[in-house]
């Protein structure tokens, strides 16, 4: 997962030459902005989904208790 979010970092740590722009065709900053932006968006969608599901479960439980 680390390599997918931050490609080239592990290579640099072990001394392997890694020219980011040559590999990806964009700067590291642009790549990271899109990658981390996408991850943040997906996390927000997941949190909203959990919140909606909990609200629906609470409403359903309240309806069962009322019967």
PDB file of N, CA and C in Angstrom:
ATOM      1  N   UNK A   1       0.823  -1.174   0.000  1.00  0.00           N
ATOM      2  CA  UNK A   1       0.000   0.000   0.000  1.00  0.00           C
ATOM      3  C   UNK A   1       0.879   1.255   0.000  1.00  0.00           C
ATOM      4  N   UNK A   2       1.963   1.224   0.735  1.00  0.00           N
ATOM      5  CA  UNK A   2       2.850   2.388   0.789  1.00  0.00           C
ATOM      6  C   UNK A   2       3.354   2.734  -0.609  1.00  0.00           C
ATOM      7  N   UNK A   3       3.727   1.719  -1.374  1.00  0.00           N
ATOM      8  CA  UNK A   3       4.253   1.965  -2.721  1.00  0.00           C
ATOM      9  C   UNK A   3       3.195   2.536  -3.651  1.00  0.00           C
ATOM     10  N   UNK A   4       1.943   2.185  -3.433  1.00  0.00           N
ATOM     11  CA  UNK A   4       0.875   2.730  -4.272  1.00  0.00           C
ATOM     12  C   UNK A   4       0.615   4.198  -3.956  1.00  0.00           C
ATOM     13  N   UNK A   5       0.714   4.567  -2.696  1.00  0.00           N
ATOM     14  CA  UNK A   5       0.464   5.958  -2.306  1.00  0.00           C
ATOM     15  C   UNK A   5       1.693   6.843  -2.487  1.00  0.00           C
ATOM     16  N   UNK A   6       2.860   6.280  -2.256  1.00  0.00           N
ATOM     17  CA  UNK A   6       4.096   7.050  -2.315  1.00  0.00           C
ATOM     18  C   UNK A   6       5.152   6.300  -3.135  1.00  0.00           C
ATOM     19  N   UNK A   7       4.947   6.183  -4.444  1.00  0.00           N
ATOM     20  CA  UNK A   7       5.898   5.431  -5.257  1.00  0.00           C
ATOM     21  C   UNK A   7       7.267   6.105  -5.281  1.00  0.00           C
ATOM     22  N   UNK A   8       8.284   5.288  -5.271  1.00  0.00           N
ATOM     23  CA  UNK A   8       9.647   5.783  -5.354  1.00  0.00           C
ATOM     24  C   UNK A   8      10.315   6.023  -4.021  1.00  0.00           C
ATOM     25  N   UNK A   9       9.555   6.116  -2.948  1.00  0.00           N
ATOM     26  CA  UNK A   9      10.138   6.407  -1.634  1.00  0.00           C
ATOM     27  C   UNK A   9      10.986   5.232  -1.156  1.00  0.00           C
ATOM     28  N   UNK A  10      10.453   4.042  -1.252  1.00  0.00           N
ATOM     29  CA  UNK A  10      11.214   2.865  -0.797  1.00  0.00           C
ATOM     30  C   UNK A  10      12.460   2.651  -1.654  1.00  0.00           C
ATOM     31  N   UNK A  11      12.340   2.915  -2.948  1.00  0.00           N
ATOM     32  CA  UNK A  11      13.491   2.778  -3.830  1.00  0.00           C
ATOM     33  C   UNK A  11      14.602   3.743  -3.408  1.00  0.00           C
ATOM     34  N   UNK A  12      14.230   4.970  -3.100  1.00  0.00           N
ATOM     35  CA  UNK A  12      15.221   5.947  -2.678  1.00  0.00           C
ATOM     36  C   UNK A  12      15.861   5.549  -1.345  1.00  0.00           C
ATOM     37  N   UNK A  13      15.096   4.942  -0.457  1.00  0.00           N
ATOM     38  CA  UNK A  13      15.637   4.530   0.835  1.00  0.00           C
ATOM     39  C   UNK A  13      16.718   3.467   0.700  1.00  0.00           C
ATOM     40  N   UNK A  14      16.565   2.606  -0.296  1.00  0.00           N
ATOM     41  CA  UNK A  14      17.553   1.539  -0.478  1.00  0.00           C
ATOM     42  C   UNK A  14      18.589   1.886  -1.544  1.00  0.00           C
ATOM     43  N   UNK A  15      18.522   3.126  -2.052  1.00  0.00           N
ATOM     44  CA  UNK A  15      19.544   3.584  -2.976  1.00  0.00           C
ATOM     45  C   UNK A  15      19.320   3.275  -4.436  1.00  0.00           C
ATOM     46  N   UNK A  16      18.119   2.912  -4.822  1.00  0.00           N
ATOM     47  CA  UNK A  16      17.808   2.651  -6.225  1.00  0.00           C
ATOM     48  C   UNK A  16      17.410   3.966  -6.879  1.00  0.00           C
ATOM     49  N   UNK A  17      17.959   4.242  -8.049  1.00  0.00           N
ATOM     50  CA  UNK A  17      17.637   5.464  -8.774  1.00  0.00           C
ATOM     51  C   UNK A  17      16.181   5.413  -9.234  1.00  0.00           C
ATOM     52  N   UNK A  18      15.438   6.473  -8.958  1.00  0.00           N
ATOM     53  CA  UNK A  18      14.020   6.529  -9.325  1.00  0.00           C
ATOM     54  C   UNK A  18      13.689   7.950  -9.731  1.00  0.00           C
ATOM     55  N   UNK A  19      13.543   8.175 -11.014  1.00  0.00           N
ATOM     56  CA  UNK A  19      13.206   9.502 -11.524  1.00  0.00           C
ATOM     57  C   UNK A  19      11.693   9.555 -11.675  1.00  0.00           C
ATOM     58  N   UNK A  20      11.055  10.182 -10.712  1.00  0.00           N
ATOM     59  CA  UNK A  20       9.591  10.149 -10.611  1.00  0.00           C
ATOM     60  C   UNK A  20       8.921  10.639 -11.891  1.00  0.00           C
ATOM     61  N   UNK A  21       9.330  11.774 -12.402  1.00  0.00           N
ATOM     62  CA  UNK A  21       8.671  12.348 -13.581  1.00  0.00           C
ATOM     63  C   UNK A  21       8.809  11.439 -14.796  1.00  0.00           C
ATOM     64  N   UNK A  22       9.952  10.777 -14.948  1.00  0.00           N
ATOM     65  CA  UNK A  22      10.142   9.865 -16.082  1.00  0.00           C
ATOM     66  C   UNK A  22       9.221   8.653 -15.992  1.00  0.00           C
ATOM     67  N   UNK A  23       8.963   8.194 -14.790  1.00  0.00           N
ATOM     68  CA  UNK A  23       8.117   7.007 -14.599  1.00  0.00           C
ATOM     69  C   UNK A  23       6.641   7.353 -14.740  1.00  0.00           C
ATOM     70  N   UNK A  24       6.194   8.439 -14.100  1.00  0.00           N
ATOM     71  CA  UNK A  24       4.770   8.766 -14.036  1.00  0.00           C
ATOM     72  C   UNK A  24       4.331   9.873 -14.982  1.00  0.00           C
ATOM     73  N   UNK A  25       5.241  10.666 -15.476  1.00  0.00           N
ATOM     74  CA  UNK A  25       4.892  11.723 -16.411  1.00  0.00           C
ATOM     75  C   UNK A  25       4.347  12.986 -15.763  1.00  0.00           C
ATOM     76  N   UNK A  26       4.347  13.040 -14.455  1.00  0.00           N
ATOM     77  CA  UNK A  26       3.920  14.226 -13.706  1.00  0.00           C
ATOM     78  C   UNK A  26       4.871  14.399 -12.525  1.00  0.00           C
ATOM     79  N   UNK A  27       4.792  15.571 -11.901  1.00  0.00           N
ATOM     80  CA  UNK A  27       5.636  15.786 -10.726  1.00  0.00           C
ATOM     81  C   UNK A  27       5.089  14.990  -9.545  1.00  0.00           C
ATOM     82  N   UNK A  28       5.940  14.784  -8.554  1.00  0.00           N
ATOM     83  CA  UNK A  28       5.510  14.067  -7.346  1.00  0.00           C
ATOM     84  C   UNK A  28       4.373  14.821  -6.661  1.00  0.00           C
ATOM     85  N   UNK A  29       4.438  16.151  -6.633  1.00  0.00           N
ATOM     86  CA  UNK A  29       3.405  16.945  -5.968  1.00  0.00           C
ATOM     87  C   UNK A  29       2.037  16.744  -6.623  1.00  0.00           C
ATOM     88  N   UNK A  30       1.994  16.752  -7.946  1.00  0.00           N
ATOM     89  CA  UNK A  30       0.722  16.543  -8.659  1.00  0.00           C
ATOM     90  C   UNK A  30       0.207  15.135  -8.398  1.00  0.00           C
ATOM     91  N   UNK A  31       1.084  14.157  -8.493  1.00  0.00           N
ATOM     92  CA  UNK A  31       0.692  12.769  -8.254  1.00  0.00           C
ATOM     93  C   UNK A  31       0.132  12.593  -6.850  1.00  0.00           C
ATOM     94  N   UNK A  32       0.847  13.116  -5.847  1.00  0.00           N
ATOM     95  CA  UNK A  32       0.412  12.974  -4.459  1.00  0.00           C
ATOM     96  C   UNK A  32      -0.898  13.716  -4.204  1.00  0.00           C
ATOM     97  N   UNK A  33      -1.064  14.879  -4.823  1.00  0.00           N
ATOM     98  CA  UNK A  33      -2.310  15.631  -4.643  1.00  0.00           C
ATOM     99  C   UNK A  33      -3.500  14.814  -5.146  1.00  0.00           C
ATOM    100  N   UNK A  34      -3.391  14.236  -6.325  1.00  0.00           N
ATOM    101  CA  UNK A  34      -4.491  13.429  -6.856  1.00  0.00           C
ATOM    102  C   UNK A  34      -4.677  12.142  -6.056  1.00  0.00           C
ATOM    103  N   UNK A  35      -3.583  11.481  -5.716  1.00  0.00           N
ATOM    104  CA  UNK A  35      -3.676  10.219  -4.992  1.00  0.00           C
ATOM    105  C   UNK A  35      -4.264  10.416  -3.601  1.00  0.00           C
ATOM    106  N   UNK A  36      -3.698  11.345  -2.832  1.00  0.00           N
ATOM    107  CA  UNK A  36      -4.191  11.558  -1.470  1.00  0.00           C
ATOM    108  C   UNK A  36      -5.572  12.211  -1.477  1.00  0.00           C
ATOM    109  N   UNK A  37      -5.861  13.025  -2.485  1.00  0.00           N
ATOM    110  CA  UNK A  37      -7.206  13.583  -2.628  1.00  0.00           C
ATOM    111  C   UNK A  37      -8.241  12.491  -2.864  1.00  0.00           C
ATOM    112  N   UNK A  38      -7.895  11.528  -3.692  1.00  0.00           N
ATOM    113  CA  UNK A  38      -8.793  10.403  -3.951  1.00  0.00           C
ATOM    114  C   UNK A  38      -9.009   9.571  -2.696  1.00  0.00           C
ATOM    115  N   UNK A  39      -7.941   9.300  -1.970  1.00  0.00           N
ATOM    116  CA  UNK A  39      -8.054   8.529  -0.723  1.00  0.00           C
ATOM    117  C   UNK A  39      -8.929   9.279   0.286  1.00  0.00           C
ATOM    118  N   UNK A  40      -8.723  10.583   0.413  1.00  0.00           N
ATOM    119  CA  UNK A  40      -9.535  11.386   1.342  1.00  0.00           C
ATOM    120  C   UNK A  40     -11.004  11.356   0.934  1.00  0.00           C
ATOM    121  N   UNK A  41     -11.283  11.490  -0.365  1.00  0.00           N
ATOM    122  CA  UNK A  41     -12.658  11.439  -0.850  1.00  0.00           C
ATOM    123  C   UNK A  41     -13.309  10.094  -0.518  1.00  0.00           C
ATOM    124  N   UNK A  42     -12.598   9.008  -0.756  1.00  0.00           N
ATOM    125  CA  UNK A  42     -13.153   7.683  -0.476  1.00  0.00           C
ATOM    126  C   UNK A  42     -13.384   7.474   1.021  1.00  0.00           C
ATOM    127  N   UNK A  43     -12.495   7.994   1.853  1.00  0.00           N
ATOM    128  CA  UNK A  43     -12.707   7.898   3.297  1.00  0.00           C
ATOM    129  C   UNK A  43     -13.935   8.687   3.730  1.00  0.00           C
ATOM    130  N   UNK A  44     -14.144   9.857   3.160  1.00  0.00           N
ATOM    131  CA  UNK A  44     -15.327  10.659   3.484  1.00  0.00           C
ATOM    132  C   UNK A  44     -16.592   9.939   3.060  1.00  0.00           C
ATOM    133  N   UNK A  45     -16.588   9.367   1.865  1.00  0.00           N
ATOM    134  CA  UNK A  45     -17.756   8.604   1.402  1.00  0.00           C
ATOM    135  C   UNK A  45     -18.021   7.430   2.331  1.00  0.00           C
ATOM    136  N   UNK A  46     -16.981   6.747   2.778  1.00  0.00           N
ATOM    137  CA  UNK A  46     -17.144   5.619   3.695  1.00  0.00           C
ATOM    138  C   UNK A  46     -17.710   6.050   5.032  1.00  0.00           C
ATOM    139  N   UNK A  47     -17.201   7.149   5.581  1.00  0.00           N
ATOM    140  CA  UNK A  47     -17.696   7.651   6.864  1.00  0.00           C
ATOM    141  C   UNK A  47     -19.161   8.070   6.735  1.00  0.00           C
ATOM    142  N   UNK A  48     -19.508   8.739   5.647  1.00  0.00           N
ATOM    143  CA  UNK A  48     -20.912   9.120   5.434  1.00  0.00           C
ATOM    144  C   UNK A  48     -21.802   7.882   5.302  1.00  0.00           C
ATOM    145  N   UNK A  49     -21.309   6.869   4.615  1.00  0.00           N
ATOM    146  CA  UNK A  49     -22.081   5.632   4.474  1.00  0.00           C
ATOM    147  C   UNK A  49     -22.338   4.968   5.814  1.00  0.00           C
ATOM    148  N   UNK A  50     -21.331   4.929   6.671  1.00  0.00           N
ATOM    149  CA  UNK A  50     -21.499   4.357   8.006  1.00  0.00           C
ATOM    150  C   UNK A  50     -22.487   5.174   8.816  1.00  0.00           C
ATOM    151  N   UNK A  51     -22.405   6.498   8.719  1.00  0.00           N
ATOM    152  CA  UNK A  51     -23.317   7.369   9.463  1.00  0.00           C
ATOM    153  C   UNK A  51     -24.763   7.156   9.021  1.00  0.00           C
ATOM    154  N   UNK A  52     -24.982   7.052   7.725  1.00  0.00           N
ATOM    155  CA  UNK A  52     -26.343   6.818   7.211  1.00  0.00           C
ATOM    156  C   UNK A  52     -26.848   5.458   7.658  1.00  0.00           C
ATOM    157  N   UNK A  53     -26.004   4.443   7.587  1.00  0.00           N
ATOM    158  CA  UNK A  53     -26.421   3.103   8.002  1.00  0.00           C
ATOM    159  C   UNK A  53     -26.765   3.068   9.492  1.00  0.00           C
ATOM    160  N   UNK A  54     -25.984   3.743  10.305  1.00  0.00           N
ATOM    161  CA  UNK A  54     -26.279   3.781  11.746  1.00  0.00           C
ATOM    162  C   UNK A  54     -27.590   4.505  12.018  1.00  0.00           C
ATOM    163  N   UNK A  55     -27.832   5.592  11.288  1.00  0.00           N
ATOM    164  CA  UNK A  55     -29.083   6.325  11.464  1.00  0.00           C
ATOM    165  C   UNK A  55     -30.279   5.446  11.074  1.00  0.00           C
ATOM    166  N   UNK A  56     -30.139   4.722   9.969  1.00  0.00           N
ATOM    167  CA  UNK A  56     -31.220   3.832   9.541  1.00  0.00           C
ATOM    168  C   UNK A  56     -31.431   2.707  10.548  1.00  0.00           C
ATOM    169  N   UNK A  57     -30.347   2.151  11.082  1.00  0.00           N
ATOM    170  CA  UNK A  57     -30.470   1.098  12.094  1.00  0.00           C
ATOM    171  C   UNK A  57     -31.156   1.622  13.349  1.00  0.00           C
ATOM    172  N   UNK A  58     -30.810   2.835  13.768  1.00  0.00           N
ATOM    173  CA  UNK A  58     -31.425   3.422  14.959  1.00  0.00           C
ATOM    174  C   UNK A  58     -32.907   3.665  14.726  1.00  0.00           C
ATOM    175  N   UNK A  59     -33.282   4.135  13.537  1.00  0.00           N
ATOM    176  CA  UNK A  59     -34.690   4.370  13.228  1.00  0.00           C
ATOM    177  C   UNK A  59     -35.465   3.063  13.194  1.00  0.00           C
ATOM    178  N   UNK A  60     -34.847   2.030  12.628  1.00  0.00           N
ATOM    179  CA  UNK A  60     -35.502   0.724  12.566  1.00  0.00           C
ATOM    180  C   UNK A  60     -35.676   0.149  13.969  1.00  0.00           C
ATOM    181  N   UNK A  61     -34.645   0.275  14.800  1.00  0.00           N
ATOM    182  CA  UNK A  61     -34.737  -0.227  16.180  1.00  0.00           C
ATOM    183  C   UNK A  61     -35.813   0.525  16.956  1.00  0.00           C
ATOM    184  N   UNK A  62     -35.926   1.825  16.741  1.00  0.00           N
ATOM    185  CA  UNK A  62     -36.959   2.624  17.425  1.00  0.00           C
ATOM    186  C   UNK A  62     -38.345   2.194  16.969  1.00  0.00           C
ATOM    187  N   UNK A  63     -38.497   1.860  15.691  1.00  0.00           N
ATOM    188  CA  UNK A  63     -39.788   1.417  15.162  1.00  0.00           C
ATOM    189  C   UNK A  63     -40.168   0.069  15.767  1.00  0.00           C
ATOM    190  N   UNK A  64     -39.196  -0.840  15.942  1.00  0.00           N
ATOM    191  CA  UNK A  64     -39.481  -2.136  16.541  1.00  0.00           C
ATOM    192  C   UNK A  64     -39.857  -1.985  18.009  1.00  0.00           C
ATOM    193  N   UNK A  65     -39.195  -1.072  18.705  1.00  0.00           N
ATOM    194  CA  UNK A  65     -39.506  -0.856  20.113  1.00  0.00           C
ATOM    195  C   UNK A  65     -40.883  -0.233  20.300  1.00  0.00           C
ATOM    196  N   UNK A  66     -41.330   0.542  19.330  1.00  0.00           N
ATOM    197  CA  UNK A  66     -42.637   1.189  19.414  1.00  0.00           C
ATOM    198  C   UNK A  66     -43.777   0.176  19.221  1.00  0.00           C
ATOM    199  N   UNK A  67     -43.485  -0.920  18.528  1.00  0.00           N
ATOM    200  CA  UNK A  67     -44.551  -1.928  18.279  1.00  0.00           C
ATOM    201  C   UNK A  67     -44.814  -2.756  19.462  1.00  0.00           C
TER     202      UNK A  67
END
